[in-house]
Amino acid sequence: MEEIKDERELVRSLKGLFEKSGSSILKKVYINVNLAKRRFHELWAEWWESEVSPRLEIDMIPVFEDVRKLKEVFIPGVEVEFFKDKTKTFVDGLQQALSFGLFGFDSLVLWHVFPEKMEGKSIEQHVRHAKEIIEGLNLPVVYFATRLTEQDRFEFFAPWSFYSSMSMDANYLLTNLRKCCDEKRNPLLYKEEVEKRKKMLKVLLKIPI
């Protein structure tokens, strides 16, 4: 992957990789979905009798087939944090990912992406602290951490790492993202209000099922 300038460019590049991956489980990828737009605000006010809707932007929404429900889709919300410089910390993106639970996403994902030039020891330190918080507090967040490579592949540091600097392609990442999300679903989905918001989210994304 060519040198990435910022997170928005990274998210656009990832979307392109996923769409070209040939994944059989991926139906569509949405990026930079702004829930502060007027249409969402009006719908929120109409259905929840409140003029104040949460103002969030979801970096990425991959839409998968739902293996548990026929003719349904599985919609995780993904917060992408790009560690291009030293301004980022291991907790960046965690609050944002947790807030996705209110909107009815099936799973909440935090994805820390590191540039190829970043040393493995520095990445491991970031990842260790992030995992300690998420796993130690039993947070309902799927945590991915990968380093980019020039060949449009990913070196994994979380949810697992390999003993060598083995890199995986986009199809592998999508398959395992889907698997991890299925194992850790949004615990707020049992609430009727959250389920309604999920339906509203599907309307906004123009998902017919």
C-alpha atoms as a PDB file:
ATOM      1  CA  MET A   1       0.000   0.000   0.000  1.00  0.00           C
ATOM      2  CA  GLU A   2       1.355   3.421  -0.926  1.00  0.00           C
ATOM      3  CA  GLU A   3       2.137   5.927   1.815  1.00  0.00           C
ATOM      4  CA  ILE A   4      -1.084   7.130   3.418  1.00  0.00           C
ATOM      5  CA  LYS A   5      -1.481  10.790   4.390  1.00  0.00           C
ATOM      6  CA  ASP A   6      -4.324  10.593   6.900  1.00  0.00           C
ATOM      7  CA  GLU A   7      -7.171   8.458   8.232  1.00  0.00           C
ATOM      8  CA  ARG A   8      -9.725   9.454   5.610  1.00  0.00           C
ATOM      9  CA  GLU A   9      -7.353   8.432   2.833  1.00  0.00           C
ATOM     10  CA  LEU A  10      -6.631   5.190   4.688  1.00  0.00           C
ATOM     11  CA  VAL A  11     -10.331   4.382   5.003  1.00  0.00           C
ATOM     12  CA  ARG A  12     -10.870   5.026   1.274  1.00  0.00           C
ATOM     13  CA  SER A  13      -7.937   2.732   0.442  1.00  0.00           C
ATOM     14  CA  LEU A  14      -9.249  -0.014   2.719  1.00  0.00           C
ATOM     15  CA  LYS A  15     -12.655   0.206   1.102  1.00  0.00           C
ATOM     16  CA  GLY A  16     -11.057  -0.289  -2.307  1.00  0.00           C
ATOM     17  CA  LEU A  17      -9.071  -3.287  -1.080  1.00  0.00           C
ATOM     18  CA  PHE A  18     -12.137  -4.926   0.421  1.00  0.00           C
ATOM     19  CA  GLU A  19     -14.228  -4.401  -2.686  1.00  0.00           C
ATOM     20  CA  LYS A  20     -11.520  -5.983  -4.829  1.00  0.00           C
ATOM     21  CA  SER A  21     -10.881  -8.852  -2.421  1.00  0.00           C
ATOM     22  CA  GLY A  22     -13.476 -11.155  -3.944  1.00  0.00           C
ATOM     23  CA  SER A  23     -14.892 -11.953  -0.509  1.00  0.00           C
ATOM     24  CA  SER A  24     -18.015 -14.080  -0.779  1.00  0.00           C
ATOM     25  CA  ILE A  25     -19.382 -12.898   2.591  1.00  0.00           C
ATOM     26  CA  LEU A  26     -19.096  -9.151   1.996  1.00  0.00           C
ATOM     27  CA  LYS A  27     -22.122  -7.463   0.442  1.00  0.00           C
ATOM     28  CA  LYS A  28     -21.133  -3.797   0.601  1.00  0.00           C
ATOM     29  CA  VAL A  29     -18.806  -1.330   2.342  1.00  0.00           C
ATOM     30  CA  TYR A  30     -19.869   2.131   3.487  1.00  0.00           C
ATOM     31  CA  ILE A  31     -17.324   4.672   4.691  1.00  0.00           C
ATOM     32  CA  ASN A  32     -17.420   7.995   6.529  1.00  0.00           C
ATOM     33  CA  VAL A  33     -21.124   7.693   7.369  1.00  0.00           C
ATOM     34  CA  ASN A  34     -22.100  10.950   9.058  1.00  0.00           C
ATOM     35  CA  LEU A  35     -24.937  10.583  11.560  1.00  0.00           C
ATOM     36  CA  ALA A  36     -25.002  14.343  12.110  1.00  0.00           C
ATOM     37  CA  LYS A  37     -26.680  14.960   8.754  1.00  0.00           C
ATOM     38  CA  ARG A  38     -30.048  16.659   8.619  1.00  0.00           C
ATOM     39  CA  ARG A  39     -31.960  13.563   7.481  1.00  0.00           C
ATOM     40  CA  PHE A  40     -30.741  11.491  10.415  1.00  0.00           C
ATOM     41  CA  HIS A  41     -31.408  14.374  12.823  1.00  0.00           C
ATOM     42  CA  GLU A  42     -34.985  14.715  11.587  1.00  0.00           C
ATOM     43  CA  LEU A  43     -35.657  10.977  11.847  1.00  0.00           C
ATOM     44  CA  TRP A  44     -34.230  10.864  15.352  1.00  0.00           C
ATOM     45  CA  ALA A  45     -36.374  13.798  16.453  1.00  0.00           C
ATOM     46  CA  GLU A  46     -39.493  12.216  14.938  1.00  0.00           C
ATOM     47  CA  TRP A  47     -39.098   8.780  16.509  1.00  0.00           C
ATOM     48  CA  TRP A  48     -37.496   9.614  19.853  1.00  0.00           C
ATOM     49  CA  GLU A  49     -39.119  12.982  20.598  1.00  0.00           C
ATOM     50  CA  SER A  50     -35.768  14.617  21.049  1.00  0.00           C
ATOM     51  CA  GLU A  51     -34.138  17.420  19.097  1.00  0.00           C
ATOM     52  CA  VAL A  52     -30.674  16.286  20.102  1.00  0.00           C
ATOM     53  CA  SER A  53     -29.367  13.270  18.227  1.00  0.00           C
ATOM     54  CA  PRO A  54     -25.887  11.813  18.839  1.00  0.00           C
ATOM     55  CA  ARG A  55     -23.496  13.403  16.351  1.00  0.00           C
ATOM     56  CA  LEU A  56     -21.113  10.741  15.172  1.00  0.00           C
ATOM     57  CA  GLU A  57     -19.275   9.677  12.061  1.00  0.00           C
ATOM     58  CA  ILE A  58     -18.668   5.985  11.502  1.00  0.00           C
ATOM     59  CA  ASP A  59     -15.431   5.378   9.614  1.00  0.00           C
ATOM     60  CA  MET A  60     -16.480   2.094   8.061  1.00  0.00           C
ATOM     61  CA  ILE A  61     -19.572  -0.100   7.888  1.00  0.00           C
ATOM     62  CA  PRO A  62     -18.947  -3.446   6.181  1.00  0.00           C
ATOM     63  CA  VAL A  63     -22.187  -5.299   5.484  1.00  0.00           C
ATOM     64  CA  PHE A  64     -21.991  -9.086   5.721  1.00  0.00           C
ATOM     65  CA  GLU A  65     -24.448 -11.927   5.329  1.00  0.00           C
ATOM     66  CA  ASP A  66     -25.828 -12.947   8.721  1.00  0.00           C
ATOM     67  CA  VAL A  67     -25.096 -16.646   9.185  1.00  0.00           C
ATOM     68  CA  ARG A  68     -27.592 -16.866  12.051  1.00  0.00           C
ATOM     69  CA  LYS A  69     -30.561 -15.389  10.197  1.00  0.00           C
ATOM     70  CA  LEU A  70     -31.470 -16.220   6.623  1.00  0.00           C
ATOM     71  CA  LYS A  71     -32.137 -13.226   4.367  1.00  0.00           C
ATOM     72  CA  GLU A  72     -30.648 -10.868   6.949  1.00  0.00           C
ATOM     73  CA  VAL A  73     -27.459  -8.839   7.039  1.00  0.00           C
ATOM     74  CA  PHE A  74     -24.836  -8.375   9.753  1.00  0.00           C
ATOM     75  CA  ILE A  75     -23.721  -4.767  10.239  1.00  0.00           C
ATOM     76  CA  PRO A  76     -20.692  -3.941  12.415  1.00  0.00           C
ATOM     77  CA  GLY A  77     -19.569  -0.375  13.021  1.00  0.00           C
ATOM     78  CA  VAL A  78     -15.810   0.092  12.648  1.00  0.00           C
ATOM     79  CA  GLU A  79     -13.756   2.896  14.184  1.00  0.00           C
ATOM     80  CA  VAL A  80     -10.397   3.193  12.385  1.00  0.00           C
ATOM     81  CA  GLU A  81      -7.444   4.878  14.101  1.00  0.00           C
ATOM     82  CA  PHE A  82      -4.288   5.439  12.051  1.00  0.00           C
ATOM     83  CA  PHE A  83      -1.103   5.674  14.128  1.00  0.00           C
ATOM     84  CA  LYS A  84       0.838   7.726  11.615  1.00  0.00           C
ATOM     85  CA  ASP A  85       2.614   9.783  14.289  1.00  0.00           C
ATOM     86  CA  LYS A  86       3.191   9.828  18.033  1.00  0.00           C
ATOM     87  CA  THR A  87       0.063  11.843  18.855  1.00  0.00           C
ATOM     88  CA  LYS A  88      -2.068   8.703  19.061  1.00  0.00           C
ATOM     89  CA  THR A  89      -2.526   6.699  22.265  1.00  0.00           C
ATOM     90  CA  PHE A  90      -3.714   3.146  22.909  1.00  0.00           C
ATOM     91  CA  VAL A  91      -7.153   4.354  24.045  1.00  0.00           C
ATOM     92  CA  ASP A  92      -7.865   6.370  20.902  1.00  0.00           C
ATOM     93  CA  GLY A  93     -11.128   5.355  19.269  1.00  0.00           C
ATOM     94  CA  LEU A  94     -12.395   3.290  22.186  1.00  0.00           C
ATOM     95  CA  GLN A  95     -15.051   5.768  23.292  1.00  0.00           C
ATOM     96  CA  GLN A  96     -16.232   6.188  19.711  1.00  0.00           C
ATOM     97  CA  ALA A  97     -16.492   2.435  19.137  1.00  0.00           C
ATOM     98  CA  LEU A  98     -18.514   1.953  22.333  1.00  0.00           C
ATOM     99  CA  SER A  99     -20.942   4.695  21.317  1.00  0.00           C
ATOM    100  CA  PHE A 100     -21.843   2.736  18.164  1.00  0.00           C
ATOM    101  CA  GLY A 101     -23.791   0.390  20.429  1.00  0.00           C
ATOM    102  CA  LEU A 102     -26.595   2.949  20.739  1.00  0.00           C
ATOM    103  CA  PHE A 103     -27.295   2.831  17.012  1.00  0.00           C
ATOM    104  CA  GLY A 104     -27.961  -0.872  16.718  1.00  0.00           C
ATOM    105  CA  PHE A 105     -24.765  -2.032  15.071  1.00  0.00           C
ATOM    106  CA  ASP A 106     -24.466  -5.791  15.415  1.00  0.00           C
ATOM    107  CA  SER A 107     -20.882  -5.505  16.600  1.00  0.00           C
ATOM    108  CA  LEU A 108     -18.568  -2.697  17.745  1.00  0.00           C
ATOM    109  CA  VAL A 109     -15.087  -2.704  16.232  1.00  0.00           C
ATOM    110  CA  LEU A 110     -11.961  -0.738  17.086  1.00  0.00           C
ATOM    111  CA  TRP A 111      -9.226  -1.099  14.482  1.00  0.00           C
ATOM    112  CA  HIS A 112      -5.772   0.358  15.148  1.00  0.00           C
ATOM    113  CA  VAL A 113      -3.741   0.581  11.941  1.00  0.00           C
ATOM    114  CA  PHE A 114       0.034   1.123  12.044  1.00  0.00           C
ATOM    115  CA  PRO A 115       2.312   2.206   9.181  1.00  0.00           C
ATOM    116  CA  GLU A 116       4.889  -0.218   7.853  1.00  0.00           C
ATOM    117  CA  LYS A 117       7.793   1.896   9.116  1.00  0.00           C
ATOM    118  CA  MET A 118       6.678   1.682  12.762  1.00  0.00           C
ATOM    119  CA  GLU A 119       8.728  -0.713  14.869  1.00  0.00           C
ATOM    120  CA  GLY A 120       7.120  -3.915  16.012  1.00  0.00           C
ATOM    121  CA  LYS A 121       8.034  -3.336  19.677  1.00  0.00           C
ATOM    122  CA  SER A 122       6.222   0.011  19.717  1.00  0.00           C
ATOM    123  CA  ILE A 123       3.157  -1.565  18.137  1.00  0.00           C
ATOM    124  CA  GLU A 124       3.184  -4.438  20.621  1.00  0.00           C
ATOM    125  CA  GLN A 125       3.259  -1.980  23.519  1.00  0.00           C
ATOM    126  CA  HIS A 126       0.233  -0.078  22.185  1.00  0.00           C
ATOM    127  CA  VAL A 127      -1.644  -3.298  21.525  1.00  0.00           C
ATOM    128  CA  ARG A 128      -0.867  -4.810  24.927  1.00  0.00           C
ATOM    129  CA  HIS A 129      -2.314  -1.805  26.766  1.00  0.00           C
ATOM    130  CA  ALA A 130      -5.408  -1.656  24.552  1.00  0.00           C
ATOM    131  CA  LYS A 131      -6.096  -5.363  25.049  1.00  0.00           C
ATOM    132  CA  GLU A 132      -5.619  -5.054  28.812  1.00  0.00           C
ATOM    133  CA  ILE A 133      -8.386  -2.462  28.986  1.00  0.00           C
ATOM    134  CA  ILE A 134     -10.803  -4.172  26.575  1.00  0.00           C
ATOM    135  CA  GLU A 135     -10.337  -7.684  27.927  1.00  0.00           C
ATOM    136  CA  GLY A 136      -9.784  -6.703  31.563  1.00  0.00           C
ATOM    137  CA  LEU A 137     -13.002  -4.660  31.684  1.00  0.00           C
ATOM    138  CA  ASN A 138     -14.819  -7.153  29.464  1.00  0.00           C
ATOM    139  CA  LEU A 139     -15.814  -4.427  27.025  1.00  0.00           C
ATOM    140  CA  PRO A 140     -18.060  -5.509  24.105  1.00  0.00           C
ATOM    141  CA  VAL A 141     -15.520  -4.348  21.534  1.00  0.00           C
ATOM    142  CA  VAL A 142     -13.806  -6.377  18.828  1.00  0.00           C
ATOM    143  CA  TYR A 143     -10.205  -5.159  18.738  1.00  0.00           C
ATOM    144  CA  PHE A 144      -8.058  -5.442  15.617  1.00  0.00           C
ATOM    145  CA  ALA A 145      -4.501  -4.129  15.271  1.00  0.00           C
ATOM    146  CA  THR A 146      -2.562  -4.489  12.037  1.00  0.00           C
ATOM    147  CA  ARG A 147       0.492  -3.070  10.316  1.00  0.00           C
ATOM    148  CA  LEU A 148       0.246  -2.166   6.654  1.00  0.00           C
ATOM    149  CA  THR A 149       2.634  -3.556   4.063  1.00  0.00           C
ATOM    150  CA  GLU A 150       3.565  -2.376   0.594  1.00  0.00           C
ATOM    151  CA  GLN A 151       1.809  -5.364  -0.988  1.00  0.00           C
ATOM    152  CA  ASP A 152      -1.640  -4.273   0.262  1.00  0.00           C
ATOM    153  CA  ARG A 153      -1.484  -6.876   2.989  1.00  0.00           C
ATOM    154  CA  PHE A 154      -1.784  -6.807   6.768  1.00  0.00           C
ATOM    155  CA  GLU A 155       0.536  -7.969   9.520  1.00  0.00           C
ATOM    156  CA  PHE A 156      -1.572  -8.925  12.553  1.00  0.00           C
ATOM    157  CA  PHE A 157      -0.940  -7.887  16.161  1.00  0.00           C
ATOM    158  CA  ALA A 158      -4.519  -8.337  17.464  1.00  0.00           C
ATOM    159  CA  PRO A 159      -6.744 -10.225  18.013  1.00  0.00           C
ATOM    160  CA  TRP A 160      -3.763 -12.530  17.492  1.00  0.00           C
ATOM    161  CA  SER A 161      -0.220 -12.276  16.213  1.00  0.00           C
ATOM    162  CA  PHE A 162       2.046 -14.623  14.322  1.00  0.00           C
ATOM    163  CA  TYR A 163       5.528 -15.681  15.335  1.00  0.00           C
ATOM    164  CA  SER A 164       6.979 -14.319  12.121  1.00  0.00           C
ATOM    165  CA  SER A 165       6.178 -11.171  10.167  1.00  0.00           C
ATOM    166  CA  MET A 166       3.650 -13.096   8.088  1.00  0.00           C
ATOM    167  CA  SER A 167       1.163 -10.874   6.281  1.00  0.00           C
ATOM    168  CA  MET A 168      -2.385 -11.653   5.212  1.00  0.00           C
ATOM    169  CA  ASP A 169      -4.587 -10.362   2.419  1.00  0.00           C
ATOM    170  CA  ALA A 170      -7.846  -8.430   2.624  1.00  0.00           C
ATOM    171  CA  ASN A 171      -9.976 -11.548   2.186  1.00  0.00           C
ATOM    172  CA  TYR A 172      -8.364 -13.178   5.220  1.00  0.00           C
ATOM    173  CA  LEU A 173      -8.929 -10.037   7.274  1.00  0.00           C
ATOM    174  CA  LEU A 174     -12.606  -9.795   6.300  1.00  0.00           C
ATOM    175  CA  THR A 175     -13.240 -13.465   7.042  1.00  0.00           C
ATOM    176  CA  ASN A 176     -11.759 -13.204  10.503  1.00  0.00           C
ATOM    177  CA  LEU A 177     -13.328  -9.836  11.230  1.00  0.00           C
ATOM    178  CA  ARG A 178     -16.703 -11.394  10.486  1.00  0.00           C
ATOM    179  CA  LYS A 179     -15.907 -14.382  12.705  1.00  0.00           C
ATOM    180  CA  CYS A 180     -14.742 -12.245  15.633  1.00  0.00           C
ATOM    181  CA  CYS A 181     -17.767  -9.971  15.340  1.00  0.00           C
ATOM    182  CA  ASP A 182     -20.104 -12.956  15.397  1.00  0.00           C
ATOM    183  CA  GLU A 183     -18.488 -14.098  18.647  1.00  0.00           C
ATOM    184  CA  LYS A 184     -18.827 -10.669  20.305  1.00  0.00           C
ATOM    185  CA  ARG A 185     -22.125  -9.000  19.444  1.00  0.00           C
ATOM    186  CA  ASN A 186     -23.539  -5.696  20.659  1.00  0.00           C
ATOM    187  CA  PRO A 187     -25.119  -6.424  24.080  1.00  0.00           C
ATOM    188  CA  LEU A 188     -27.605  -3.549  23.686  1.00  0.00           C
ATOM    189  CA  LEU A 189     -29.457  -5.198  20.802  1.00  0.00           C
ATOM    190  CA  TYR A 190     -31.910  -6.831  23.187  1.00  0.00           C
ATOM    191  CA  LYS A 191     -33.376  -3.378  23.894  1.00  0.00           C
ATOM    192  CA  GLU A 192     -36.391  -2.481  21.788  1.00  0.00           C
ATOM    193  CA  GLU A 193     -35.217   1.104  21.254  1.00  0.00           C
ATOM    194  CA  VAL A 194     -31.815  -0.028  19.970  1.00  0.00           C
ATOM    195  CA  GLU A 195     -33.456  -2.539  17.635  1.00  0.00           C
ATOM    196  CA  LYS A 196     -35.583   0.294  16.224  1.00  0.00           C
ATOM    197  CA  ARG A 197     -32.469   2.378  15.652  1.00  0.00           C
ATOM    198  CA  LYS A 198     -30.921  -0.518  13.766  1.00  0.00           C
ATOM    199  CA  LYS A 199     -33.915  -0.531  11.432  1.00  0.00           C
ATOM    200  CA  MET A 200     -33.555   3.214  10.968  1.00  0.00           C
ATOM    201  CA  LEU A 201     -29.859   2.769  10.221  1.00  0.00           C
ATOM    202  CA  LYS A 202     -30.705   0.250   7.484  1.00  0.00           C
ATOM    203  CA  VAL A 203     -33.163   2.738   5.978  1.00  0.00           C
ATOM    204  CA  LEU A 204     -30.504   5.468   5.932  1.00  0.00           C
ATOM    205  CA  LEU A 205     -28.003   3.099   4.293  1.00  0.00           C
ATOM    206  CA  LYS A 206     -30.669   1.942   1.820  1.00  0.00           C
ATOM    207  CA  ILE A 207     -30.300  -1.684   2.836  1.00  0.00           C
ATOM    208  CA  PRO A 208     -33.488  -3.446   1.666  1.00  0.00           C
ATOM    209  CA  ILE A 209     -33.302  -6.466   4.019  1.00  0.00           C
END
